[in-house]
Amino acid sequence: MVMILASACVRNFEKLNTDPNEYTEEELAKGNRLMGEPLLQAQLNLLIYNDPPTAQLQQNLNADIFGGYTMTPTPFEGNNNNSNYGLIFYWNNNPWNVTYGNVMKSCQFAQDKAQSKFPDFYAWAQILKVEAMHRISDIYGPIIYSSYGQPGPDQRVDYDTQQQAYYHFFNDLDSAIRILTKLVNDHAEERFKPFDLVYKGNYTQWIRFANTLRLRLAIRISGIDKPRAKQEGEAALKHPMGLLREKEDIFAVDISPVTHPLNIMCYTWADLRMSAPMESILSGYKDPRLPKYFVPVDGANEYHGIRQGIKIFAKEQYSGFSPIAKLPPKIGFMTVAEAWFLKAEAALYGWDGAGSAAENYNNGVAASFQQYDLPNVNEYLQNNTLKANPYVDPRNEENNIPTGDPHLSTITIKWDESADMTTKLERIITQKWIAMFPEGQEAWSEFRRTGYPKLFPVVINNSGGTIPTEKFIRRLPFPQIEYLTNPRAVEKAKTFLKGPDTGGTPLWWDMR
């Protein structure tokens, strides 16, 4: 059951949980530490910051691969693992366990202490909670949200449908935005600055992030629930403080002096390399972001990515392919570029406040270039000939994706106002996918929702027929811990799905 999941990898808040004599509540109340410390930990555990093995299972060996960003050269479990749809149940517990044990628990604790006396901390916890839990819902579907911490008479903790969860997300974001907006307008003291690892206590930036998150979730459900999507999207677009707009608005958690966990996975363990679609698209576009994202192979000025779900007999086969460029000690979850691309898609749907799709698209690419201090964005945006390169695997030609293959993207860079809606959407999402790297959870969600950018299907499918190769993986099954500790609730939650509890069943918002 979610309530009994152990909290892990926390600093002072861990002492509060495990040794109540370590600090008195009066001591923790000084400087607002009673609420601030838990929320500091919530930020650090959106992607667990100091436990690379858990972070690897929390996201890298699922969403980062499924979203087409990276691939592992390591043939885990005899090359029968998540990368080729041989889903490993004890791997797939990790996103659930980390988020409920370290984020949801911390936010609930802080909110219980904040109540009406500390509305800023309460609102901040709301935003962090939605950021964490929409990611979990986008992995599994139905989740425990509105009933969290409220067991029924038989001790089960009930799930929300994914639709219900999303409606709660919108309501919680709306409440948090209203609270913080009033505080900003009243020139209130920014009290959570000592604990804020993203914006150093700037309430206006948190409002911009919450607005952009609201727009992200509105766009996510735009195919299944158009009226609510439009309502929520326009509320975000019309808010006077706006969306993420400056480079300093990027939502990234500062984990210094700890190194980024992807650096450990890539350079210490050699378990992480460039994906084949990344090689194909970035090299085909001659994209100047390529060396910002990846490192050429040893001894050559070439980039090689690994195709997902292929025959790998030993790590040495592919470990010489391109590693990621070393990441700074910040874990990014939303870029300014994403905000522009969300606006571009909203403009396609005619939402009030979205502006011009073309202008938003160009601004999205420009924001991504600015993020990496790259020049010549106008030259890049005017190119209407470059396309993704065919993929050639120098180790095994069976993995090649030649010219003309339907899985090879043919979308170009330059915006074309005369193009049809499908082409415009593919252009927006392809550039959005490039700009969001390395945030694989969002890349996977957007690929499932739209089918873009075009990715390469697995060569080996070890799902036993539960995940159709051409449909790609749609979700992770509910974690085994729930079947063991909350069986009645999870059995009911299975009835909320569009099919069986497998990786092939699409989520509520997934219309493909």
Protein backbone atom coordinates (compact mmCIF):
# COMPACT_ATOMS: atom_id res chain seq x y z
CA MET A 1 0.00 0.00 0.00
CA VAL A 2 1.24 3.44 -0.89
CA MET A 3 1.04 4.73 2.69
CA ILE A 4 3.58 2.25 3.98
CA LEU A 5 6.18 2.75 1.27
CA ALA A 6 9.43 3.72 2.92
CA SER A 7 10.85 7.15 2.36
CA ALA A 8 14.42 7.05 1.12
CA CYS A 9 17.36 9.25 0.22
CA VAL A 10 16.37 12.28 2.24
CA ARG A 11 18.52 14.61 4.27
CA ASN A 12 17.16 16.17 7.44
CA PHE A 13 13.61 15.13 6.60
CA GLU A 14 14.72 11.52 6.85
CA LYS A 15 15.77 12.16 10.41
CA LEU A 16 12.39 13.64 11.11
CA ASN A 17 10.74 10.44 9.85
CA THR A 18 13.06 7.92 11.47
CA ASP A 19 14.17 9.64 14.66
CA PRO A 20 11.59 11.98 16.16
CA ASN A 21 14.04 12.94 18.90
CA GLU A 22 16.55 14.35 16.42
CA TYR A 23 14.65 17.65 16.10
CA THR A 24 11.73 19.05 18.02
CA GLU A 25 8.84 20.50 16.08
CA GLU A 26 9.64 23.87 17.61
CA GLU A 27 13.18 23.68 16.25
CA LEU A 28 11.93 22.72 12.81
CA ALA A 29 9.35 25.50 12.83
CA LYS A 30 12.14 28.08 12.99
CA GLY A 31 12.81 29.40 9.52
CA ASN A 32 9.87 27.32 8.23
CA ARG A 33 12.02 24.19 8.10
CA LEU A 34 9.08 22.03 9.16
CA MET A 35 7.56 22.58 5.73
CA GLY A 36 10.62 23.60 3.75
CA GLU A 37 12.78 20.54 4.36
CA PRO A 38 10.16 18.07 3.06
CA LEU A 39 9.62 20.16 -0.07
CA LEU A 40 13.34 20.42 -0.64
CA GLN A 41 13.40 16.62 -0.64
CA ALA A 42 10.40 16.46 -2.95
CA GLN A 43 12.32 18.47 -5.54
CA LEU A 44 15.39 16.28 -5.24
CA ASN A 45 13.37 13.14 -5.77
CA LEU A 46 11.37 14.08 -8.85
CA LEU A 47 14.22 12.07 -10.35
CA ILE A 48 16.12 10.58 -7.46
CA TYR A 49 19.27 12.62 -7.27
CA ASN A 50 21.83 10.65 -5.27
CA ASP A 51 20.99 7.02 -6.01
CA PRO A 52 21.92 6.31 -9.66
CA PRO A 53 20.85 2.64 -9.59
CA THR A 54 17.34 3.68 -8.55
CA ALA A 55 17.29 6.59 -11.00
CA GLN A 56 18.27 4.15 -13.74
CA LEU A 57 15.18 2.07 -12.98
CA GLN A 58 13.00 5.08 -12.22
CA GLN A 59 13.31 6.48 -15.74
CA ASN A 60 16.37 5.62 -17.81
CA LEU A 61 15.56 1.96 -18.50
CA ASN A 62 12.02 2.80 -19.47
CA ALA A 63 10.99 6.30 -20.61
CA ASP A 64 14.41 7.48 -21.83
CA ILE A 65 14.53 4.46 -24.12
CA PHE A 66 10.84 4.37 -25.03
CA GLY A 67 10.95 8.09 -25.89
CA GLY A 68 13.80 7.53 -28.36
CA TYR A 69 16.53 9.48 -26.57
CA THR A 70 18.98 6.83 -25.39
CA MET A 71 19.57 3.11 -25.53
CA THR A 72 21.59 0.75 -23.38
CA PRO A 73 24.43 -1.35 -24.81
CA THR A 74 24.08 -3.72 -21.86
CA PRO A 75 22.18 -7.00 -22.47
CA PHE A 76 20.50 -7.03 -19.07
CA GLU A 77 18.86 -10.33 -18.07
CA GLY A 78 20.31 -12.16 -21.05
CA ASN A 79 19.01 -9.43 -23.39
CA ASN A 80 15.42 -9.96 -22.25
CA ASN A 81 14.49 -6.65 -20.61
CA ASN A 82 12.50 -3.43 -20.96
CA SER A 83 14.41 -2.32 -24.06
CA ASN A 84 12.90 -5.19 -26.04
CA TYR A 85 9.59 -5.33 -24.15
CA GLY A 86 10.59 -8.19 -21.85
CA LEU A 87 9.27 -6.03 -19.01
CA ILE A 88 10.94 -6.79 -15.69
CA PHE A 89 8.46 -6.34 -12.86
CA TYR A 90 10.99 -5.40 -10.19
CA TRP A 91 12.39 -2.70 -12.46
CA ASN A 92 8.96 -1.28 -13.06
CA ASN A 93 8.15 -0.82 -9.36
CA ASN A 94 10.70 1.97 -9.09
CA PRO A 95 8.91 4.99 -10.60
CA TRP A 96 5.96 4.29 -8.31
CA ASN A 97 7.97 3.63 -5.16
CA VAL A 98 10.27 6.64 -5.47
CA THR A 99 7.50 9.11 -6.21
CA TYR A 100 5.04 7.98 -3.56
CA GLY A 101 7.69 7.35 -0.92
CA ASN A 102 9.78 10.47 -1.48
CA VAL A 103 7.64 13.10 -3.20
CA MET A 104 3.96 12.54 -2.49
CA LYS A 105 4.70 11.72 1.14
CA SER A 106 6.83 14.83 1.55
CA CYS A 107 4.28 17.12 -0.09
CA GLN A 108 1.45 15.74 2.02
CA PHE A 109 3.48 16.22 5.20
CA ALA A 110 4.27 19.83 4.29
CA GLN A 111 0.66 20.60 3.39
CA ASP A 112 -0.60 19.13 6.63
CA LYS A 113 1.73 21.46 8.52
CA ALA A 114 1.10 24.49 6.32
CA GLN A 115 -2.70 24.46 6.24
CA SER A 116 -4.08 28.01 6.03
CA LYS A 117 -1.25 29.67 7.99
CA PHE A 118 1.35 29.21 5.26
CA PRO A 119 -0.51 29.42 1.93
CA ASP A 120 2.71 29.86 -0.05
CA PHE A 121 4.14 26.55 1.17
CA TYR A 122 0.77 24.89 0.63
CA ALA A 123 0.61 26.14 -2.97
CA TRP A 124 4.22 25.19 -3.64
CA ALA A 125 3.52 21.64 -2.47
CA GLN A 126 0.48 21.52 -4.78
CA ILE A 127 2.62 22.34 -7.81
CA LEU A 128 5.35 19.85 -6.91
CA LYS A 129 2.73 17.19 -6.30
CA VAL A 130 1.17 17.66 -9.73
CA GLU A 131 4.56 17.72 -11.46
CA ALA A 132 5.48 14.41 -9.84
CA MET A 133 2.14 12.65 -10.08
CA HIS A 134 1.25 13.48 -13.67
CA ARG A 135 4.49 11.71 -14.58
CA ILE A 136 3.36 8.64 -12.64
CA SER A 137 -0.08 8.73 -14.24
CA ASP A 138 1.55 9.00 -17.66
CA ILE A 139 3.49 5.82 -16.89
CA TYR A 140 0.76 3.64 -15.37
CA GLY A 141 -2.61 5.35 -16.07
CA PRO A 142 -4.92 5.25 -13.03
CA ILE A 143 -3.12 6.30 -9.84
CA ILE A 144 -3.75 6.94 -6.15
CA TYR A 145 -4.15 10.69 -5.81
CA SER A 146 -7.35 12.06 -4.28
CA SER A 147 -7.50 9.17 -1.77
CA TYR A 148 -3.83 9.28 -0.84
CA GLY A 149 -3.43 8.81 2.92
CA GLN A 150 -7.12 7.94 3.30
CA PRO A 151 -7.50 4.16 3.58
CA GLY A 152 -10.99 2.74 3.51
CA PRO A 153 -12.49 0.42 6.13
CA ASP A 154 -10.77 -2.57 4.53
CA GLN A 155 -7.47 -0.62 4.47
CA ARG A 156 -7.42 -0.33 0.70
CA VAL A 157 -6.47 2.99 -0.86
CA ASP A 158 -8.54 3.61 -3.96
CA TYR A 159 -7.27 4.73 -7.34
CA ASP A 160 -8.54 7.58 -9.46
CA THR A 161 -9.17 6.93 -13.13
CA GLN A 162 -6.66 8.80 -15.24
CA GLN A 163 -9.37 11.26 -16.23
CA GLN A 164 -10.21 11.90 -12.58
CA ALA A 165 -6.52 12.30 -11.75
CA TYR A 166 -6.06 14.86 -14.52
CA TYR A 167 -9.09 16.83 -13.35
CA HIS A 168 -7.58 16.89 -9.84
CA PHE A 169 -4.28 18.08 -11.32
CA PHE A 170 -6.03 20.97 -13.03
CA ASN A 171 -7.93 21.93 -9.89
CA ASP A 172 -4.79 21.78 -7.75
CA LEU A 173 -2.81 23.87 -10.23
CA ASP A 174 -5.61 26.42 -10.43
CA SER A 175 -5.69 26.72 -6.64
CA ALA A 176 -1.92 27.04 -6.35
CA ILE A 177 -1.73 29.65 -9.11
CA ARG A 178 -4.44 31.73 -7.46
CA ILE A 179 -2.71 31.61 -4.08
CA LEU A 180 0.73 32.57 -5.40
CA THR A 181 -0.69 35.25 -7.72
CA LYS A 182 -2.36 36.95 -4.78
CA LEU A 183 0.85 36.80 -2.77
CA VAL A 184 2.83 38.34 -5.64
CA ASN A 185 0.25 41.08 -6.09
CA ASP A 186 0.34 41.74 -2.34
CA HIS A 187 4.17 41.92 -2.42
CA ALA A 188 4.34 39.16 0.16
CA GLU A 189 7.63 37.90 1.52
CA GLU A 190 9.00 34.97 -0.48
CA ARG A 191 9.33 32.59 2.43
CA PHE A 192 10.41 29.34 0.82
CA LYS A 193 13.56 30.76 -0.78
CA PRO A 194 15.99 28.77 1.47
CA PHE A 195 14.49 25.50 0.26
CA ASP A 196 13.84 26.28 -3.40
CA LEU A 197 16.31 24.41 -5.63
CA VAL A 198 14.73 25.65 -8.86
CA TYR A 199 13.85 29.37 -8.71
CA LYS A 200 15.43 30.47 -5.42
CA GLY A 201 12.08 31.49 -3.99
CA ASN A 202 10.80 33.53 -6.94
CA TYR A 203 7.02 33.15 -6.76
CA THR A 204 6.47 34.67 -10.21
CA GLN A 205 8.62 32.00 -11.83
CA TRP A 206 6.72 29.28 -9.98
CA ILE A 207 3.48 30.74 -11.34
CA ARG A 208 4.92 30.68 -14.86
CA PHE A 209 5.95 27.07 -14.40
CA ALA A 210 2.52 26.13 -13.04
CA ASN A 211 0.83 27.86 -15.98
CA THR A 212 3.06 26.01 -18.43
CA LEU A 213 2.45 22.72 -16.65
CA ARG A 214 -1.28 23.39 -16.89
CA LEU A 215 -0.91 24.00 -20.62
CA ARG A 216 1.16 20.82 -20.99
CA LEU A 217 -1.58 18.76 -19.37
CA ALA A 218 -4.29 20.52 -21.39
CA ILE A 219 -2.49 19.69 -24.63
CA ARG A 220 -2.04 16.12 -23.40
CA ILE A 221 -5.79 15.54 -23.20
CA SER A 222 -6.70 17.57 -26.30
CA GLY A 223 -7.46 14.45 -28.33
CA ILE A 224 -9.78 12.84 -25.79
CA ASP A 225 -11.42 15.74 -23.91
CA LYS A 226 -11.48 18.81 -26.14
CA PRO A 227 -13.75 21.05 -23.99
CA ARG A 228 -11.75 20.61 -20.78
CA ALA A 229 -8.46 20.85 -22.66
CA LYS A 230 -9.49 24.16 -24.22
CA GLN A 231 -10.76 25.51 -20.89
CA GLU A 232 -7.56 24.69 -19.04
CA GLY A 233 -5.26 25.65 -21.89
CA GLU A 234 -6.83 29.06 -22.31
CA ALA A 235 -6.70 29.69 -18.56
CA ALA A 236 -2.94 29.11 -18.72
CA LEU A 237 -2.46 31.14 -21.88
CA LYS A 238 -4.41 34.14 -20.57
CA HIS A 239 -2.86 34.36 -17.11
CA PRO A 240 -1.20 37.77 -16.74
CA MET A 241 2.11 36.34 -15.54
CA GLY A 242 2.35 34.08 -18.55
CA LEU A 243 4.37 30.97 -19.29
CA LEU A 244 8.08 30.17 -19.06
CA ARG A 245 9.77 32.81 -21.22
CA GLU A 246 13.39 33.50 -20.24
CA LYS A 247 16.36 31.17 -20.08
CA GLU A 248 16.29 31.57 -16.29
CA ASP A 249 12.74 30.14 -16.26
CA ILE A 250 13.88 26.63 -17.23
CA PHE A 251 12.54 24.21 -14.63
CA ALA A 252 15.67 22.39 -13.45
CA VAL A 253 16.46 21.15 -9.95
CA ASP A 254 19.94 22.08 -8.72
CA ILE A 255 21.49 18.94 -7.22
CA SER A 256 25.03 20.30 -6.86
CA PRO A 257 27.53 19.20 -5.70
CA VAL A 258 26.16 15.77 -6.66
CA THR A 259 26.70 14.84 -10.32
CA HIS A 260 23.78 14.15 -12.61
CA PRO A 261 22.79 10.46 -12.31
CA LEU A 262 22.87 10.06 -16.11
CA ASN A 263 26.59 10.85 -16.00
CA ILE A 264 27.15 7.86 -13.71
CA MET A 265 25.06 5.57 -15.91
CA CYS A 266 26.92 6.68 -19.01
CA TYR A 267 30.53 7.10 -17.92
CA THR A 268 30.97 4.93 -14.83
CA TRP A 269 28.81 1.98 -15.87
CA ALA A 270 28.75 2.44 -19.68
CA ASP A 271 25.05 1.52 -19.60
CA LEU A 272 23.80 4.48 -21.63
CA ARG A 273 24.42 5.56 -25.21
CA MET A 274 22.85 7.65 -27.96
CA SER A 275 19.75 6.23 -29.62
CA ALA A 276 19.42 5.47 -33.31
CA PRO A 277 16.60 8.02 -33.87
CA MET A 278 18.70 10.74 -32.24
CA GLU A 279 21.56 9.95 -34.63
CA SER A 280 19.22 9.87 -37.62
CA ILE A 281 17.38 13.12 -36.94
CA LEU A 282 20.15 15.28 -35.47
CA SER A 283 22.76 14.26 -38.03
CA GLY A 284 20.26 14.58 -40.87
CA TYR A 285 19.40 18.12 -39.81
CA LYS A 286 23.08 18.97 -39.29
CA ASP A 287 21.73 20.17 -35.99
CA PRO A 288 24.20 22.29 -33.98
CA ARG A 289 22.72 20.83 -30.78
CA LEU A 290 24.21 17.43 -31.62
CA PRO A 291 27.61 18.02 -29.93
CA LYS A 292 25.79 19.62 -26.99
CA TYR A 293 23.88 16.38 -26.45
CA PHE A 294 26.34 13.62 -27.42
CA VAL A 295 30.02 12.86 -27.87
CA PRO A 296 31.52 11.51 -31.12
CA VAL A 297 32.79 7.93 -31.13
CA ASP A 298 36.43 7.44 -30.23
CA GLY A 299 38.88 8.27 -33.00
CA ALA A 300 36.31 9.69 -35.42
CA ASN A 301 34.16 12.75 -35.82
CA GLU A 302 31.09 10.56 -36.18
CA TYR A 303 28.08 9.89 -34.02
CA HIS A 304 26.56 6.45 -33.68
CA GLY A 305 23.36 5.55 -31.88
CA ILE A 306 21.96 2.17 -30.91
CA ARG A 307 18.62 0.97 -32.19
CA GLN A 308 16.19 -0.17 -29.51
CA GLY A 309 15.38 -3.84 -29.07
CA ILE A 310 18.19 -5.46 -31.05
CA LYS A 311 20.38 -8.53 -30.61
CA ILE A 312 23.12 -7.69 -28.12
CA PHE A 313 25.35 -10.50 -26.91
CA ALA A 314 27.86 -8.46 -24.91
CA LYS A 315 28.20 -4.85 -23.81
CA GLU A 316 31.40 -4.49 -25.83
CA GLN A 317 29.44 -4.70 -29.10
CA TYR A 318 27.94 -1.25 -28.70
CA SER A 319 29.60 0.42 -25.72
CA GLY A 320 31.89 2.29 -28.14
CA PHE A 321 28.92 4.17 -29.60
CA SER A 322 28.25 7.81 -28.69
CA PRO A 323 27.86 8.63 -24.99
CA ILE A 324 25.84 11.62 -23.83
CA ALA A 325 27.67 14.89 -23.32
CA LYS A 326 28.27 15.25 -19.59
CA LEU A 327 25.36 16.99 -17.92
CA PRO A 328 25.64 19.79 -15.34
CA PRO A 329 24.39 19.16 -11.76
CA LYS A 330 20.84 20.17 -12.64
CA ILE A 331 17.99 17.83 -13.51
CA GLY A 332 15.73 19.49 -16.07
CA PHE A 333 12.01 18.80 -16.33
CA MET A 334 10.73 21.65 -18.53
CA THR A 335 12.42 23.99 -20.97
CA VAL A 336 11.35 27.39 -22.22
CA ALA A 337 11.32 25.87 -25.70
CA GLU A 338 8.60 23.45 -24.61
CA ALA A 339 6.40 26.38 -23.58
CA TRP A 340 6.64 27.84 -27.08
CA PHE A 341 5.89 24.50 -28.74
CA LEU A 342 2.88 24.02 -26.49
CA LYS A 343 1.66 27.44 -27.63
CA ALA A 344 2.29 26.46 -31.24
CA GLU A 345 0.08 23.40 -30.90
CA ALA A 346 -2.56 25.39 -29.02
CA ALA A 347 -2.57 27.84 -31.94
CA LEU A 348 -3.28 24.97 -34.34
CA TYR A 349 -6.43 24.28 -32.31
CA GLY A 350 -7.47 27.93 -32.28
CA TRP A 351 -7.23 28.42 -28.52
CA ASP A 352 -7.56 32.04 -27.38
CA GLY A 353 -4.29 33.57 -26.30
CA ALA A 354 -2.12 31.14 -28.29
CA GLY A 355 -1.10 33.57 -31.03
CA SER A 356 0.53 32.36 -34.25
CA ALA A 357 1.64 28.75 -34.68
CA ALA A 358 4.46 29.80 -37.00
CA GLU A 359 5.79 32.46 -34.63
CA ASN A 360 5.56 30.13 -31.63
CA TYR A 361 7.33 27.34 -33.53
CA ASN A 362 10.19 29.62 -34.55
CA ASN A 363 10.45 30.99 -31.01
CA GLY A 364 10.60 27.43 -29.66
CA VAL A 365 13.58 26.55 -31.82
CA ALA A 366 15.22 29.89 -30.99
CA ALA A 367 14.73 29.29 -27.25
CA SER A 368 16.39 25.89 -27.55
CA PHE A 369 19.36 27.41 -29.38
CA GLN A 370 19.60 30.12 -26.73
CA GLN A 371 19.58 27.48 -23.98
CA TYR A 372 22.83 26.12 -25.42
CA ASP A 373 24.27 29.50 -26.48
CA LEU A 374 24.14 28.55 -30.16
CA PRO A 375 24.17 31.12 -32.99
CA ASN A 376 22.63 31.04 -36.48
CA VAL A 377 19.13 29.95 -35.53
CA ASN A 378 17.64 31.86 -38.48
CA GLU A 379 19.76 29.91 -40.93
CA TYR A 380 18.59 26.67 -39.35
CA LEU A 381 14.92 27.74 -39.40
CA GLN A 382 15.06 28.60 -43.11
CA ASN A 383 16.25 25.18 -44.19
CA ASN A 384 13.54 23.29 -46.07
CA THR A 385 15.58 20.42 -47.53
CA LEU A 386 17.36 18.62 -44.71
CA LYS A 387 15.67 15.46 -43.41
CA ALA A 388 16.52 12.59 -41.10
CA ASN A 389 19.35 10.40 -42.33
CA PRO A 390 18.88 6.70 -42.97
CA TYR A 391 20.17 4.68 -40.04
CA VAL A 392 23.11 2.34 -40.57
CA ASP A 393 24.25 0.00 -37.81
CA PRO A 394 27.95 -0.74 -38.45
CA ARG A 395 27.67 -3.83 -36.24
CA ASN A 396 24.63 -5.47 -37.82
CA GLU A 397 22.93 -4.48 -41.06
CA GLU A 398 19.72 -6.22 -39.94
CA ASN A 399 19.11 -3.14 -37.77
CA ASN A 400 19.35 -0.62 -40.62
CA ILE A 401 16.55 1.83 -41.46
CA PRO A 402 17.04 2.71 -45.15
CA THR A 403 15.68 5.61 -47.19
CA GLY A 404 12.03 5.00 -47.91
CA ASP A 405 11.39 3.03 -44.73
CA PRO A 406 8.04 4.23 -43.30
CA HIS A 407 9.65 4.64 -39.85
CA LEU A 408 12.17 7.18 -41.16
CA SER A 409 11.04 10.77 -40.70
CA THR A 410 10.84 12.93 -43.80
CA ILE A 411 9.78 16.14 -42.04
CA THR A 412 11.89 19.21 -42.79
CA ILE A 413 12.71 22.14 -40.53
CA LYS A 414 11.24 25.28 -42.11
CA TRP A 415 7.68 26.14 -41.12
CA ASP A 416 5.19 25.81 -43.96
CA GLU A 417 1.93 27.64 -43.37
CA SER A 418 0.32 25.89 -46.35
CA ALA A 419 0.94 22.41 -44.92
CA ASP A 420 -1.92 20.33 -43.55
CA MET A 421 -2.57 19.96 -39.81
CA THR A 422 -0.85 16.58 -39.59
CA THR A 423 2.35 17.89 -41.15
CA LYS A 424 2.33 20.98 -38.94
CA LEU A 425 1.90 18.84 -35.84
CA GLU A 426 4.75 16.53 -36.86
CA ARG A 427 7.02 19.52 -37.41
CA ILE A 428 6.15 20.98 -34.00
CA ILE A 429 6.57 17.72 -32.10
CA THR A 430 9.80 16.76 -33.85
CA GLN A 431 11.45 20.02 -32.83
CA LYS A 432 9.87 19.81 -29.38
CA TRP A 433 11.36 16.32 -29.00
CA ILE A 434 14.81 17.63 -29.87
CA ALA A 435 14.48 20.58 -27.48
CA MET A 436 13.27 18.58 -24.45
CA PHE A 437 16.31 16.27 -24.35
CA PRO A 438 17.19 14.53 -22.03
CA GLU A 439 13.75 14.52 -20.34
CA GLY A 440 12.65 11.13 -21.63
CA GLN A 441 9.41 10.87 -19.68
CA GLU A 442 7.90 13.78 -21.56
CA ALA A 443 9.35 12.54 -24.86
CA TRP A 444 7.69 9.14 -24.38
CA SER A 445 4.35 10.70 -23.42
CA GLU A 446 4.32 12.96 -26.47
CA PHE A 447 5.32 10.13 -28.80
CA ARG A 448 2.46 8.00 -27.53
CA ARG A 449 0.01 10.88 -27.87
CA THR A 450 1.03 12.02 -31.36
CA GLY A 451 3.18 9.35 -32.98
CA TYR A 452 5.95 11.91 -33.46
CA PRO A 453 8.76 12.07 -34.05
CA LYS A 454 8.85 8.87 -36.05
CA LEU A 455 10.80 6.29 -34.03
CA PHE A 456 12.15 2.88 -34.98
CA PRO A 457 10.30 -0.21 -33.73
CA VAL A 458 12.06 -2.92 -31.78
CA VAL A 459 13.73 -5.68 -33.76
CA ILE A 460 13.21 -8.24 -31.00
CA ASN A 461 9.88 -8.20 -29.17
CA ASN A 462 9.97 -10.21 -25.95
CA SER A 463 6.50 -9.18 -24.77
CA GLY A 464 4.90 -12.51 -25.63
CA GLY A 465 2.40 -10.75 -27.87
CA THR A 466 1.14 -8.26 -25.27
CA ILE A 467 2.79 -5.26 -26.97
CA PRO A 468 2.33 -5.06 -30.77
CA THR A 469 5.65 -4.10 -32.35
CA GLU A 470 4.15 -1.48 -34.67
CA LYS A 471 2.10 0.09 -31.87
CA PHE A 472 5.13 0.48 -29.54
CA ILE A 473 4.88 0.27 -25.75
CA ARG A 474 2.00 2.31 -24.29
CA ARG A 475 2.44 2.06 -20.49
CA LEU A 476 4.01 0.07 -17.67
CA PRO A 477 1.89 -2.48 -15.79
CA PHE A 478 0.85 -1.63 -12.26
CA PRO A 479 3.70 -2.32 -9.81
CA GLN A 480 3.79 -5.67 -8.05
CA ILE A 481 3.94 -3.93 -4.66
CA GLU A 482 0.35 -2.83 -5.22
CA TYR A 483 -0.81 -6.37 -5.97
CA LEU A 484 0.79 -7.48 -2.71
CA THR A 485 -0.27 -4.66 -0.39
CA ASN A 486 -3.33 -3.05 -1.99
CA PRO A 487 -4.87 -5.90 -4.01
CA ARG A 488 -8.55 -4.92 -3.95
CA ALA A 489 -7.85 -1.40 -5.08
CA VAL A 490 -5.50 -2.41 -7.89
CA GLU A 491 -7.96 -5.03 -9.14
CA LYS A 492 -10.58 -2.29 -9.37
CA ALA A 493 -8.07 0.03 -11.04
CA LYS A 494 -7.54 -2.57 -13.77
CA THR A 495 -11.17 -2.09 -14.80
CA PHE A 496 -10.38 1.57 -15.52
CA LEU A 497 -7.96 0.58 -18.29
CA LYS A 498 -8.79 0.24 -21.98
CA GLY A 499 -7.54 -3.34 -21.88
CA PRO A 500 -5.47 -5.75 -19.77
CA ASP A 501 -2.77 -4.64 -17.34
CA THR A 502 0.02 -4.95 -19.90
CA GLY A 503 2.41 -2.66 -21.71
CA GLY A 504 0.29 -2.74 -24.83
CA THR A 505 -2.83 -1.10 -23.38
CA PRO A 506 -3.10 2.63 -24.20
CA LEU A 507 -3.77 5.24 -21.55
CA TRP A 508 -6.96 7.32 -21.36
CA TRP A 509 -5.48 10.25 -23.29
CA ASP A 510 -3.68 8.00 -25.79
CA MET A 511 -5.89 8.00 -28.89
CA ARG A 512 -3.50 6.29 -31.29
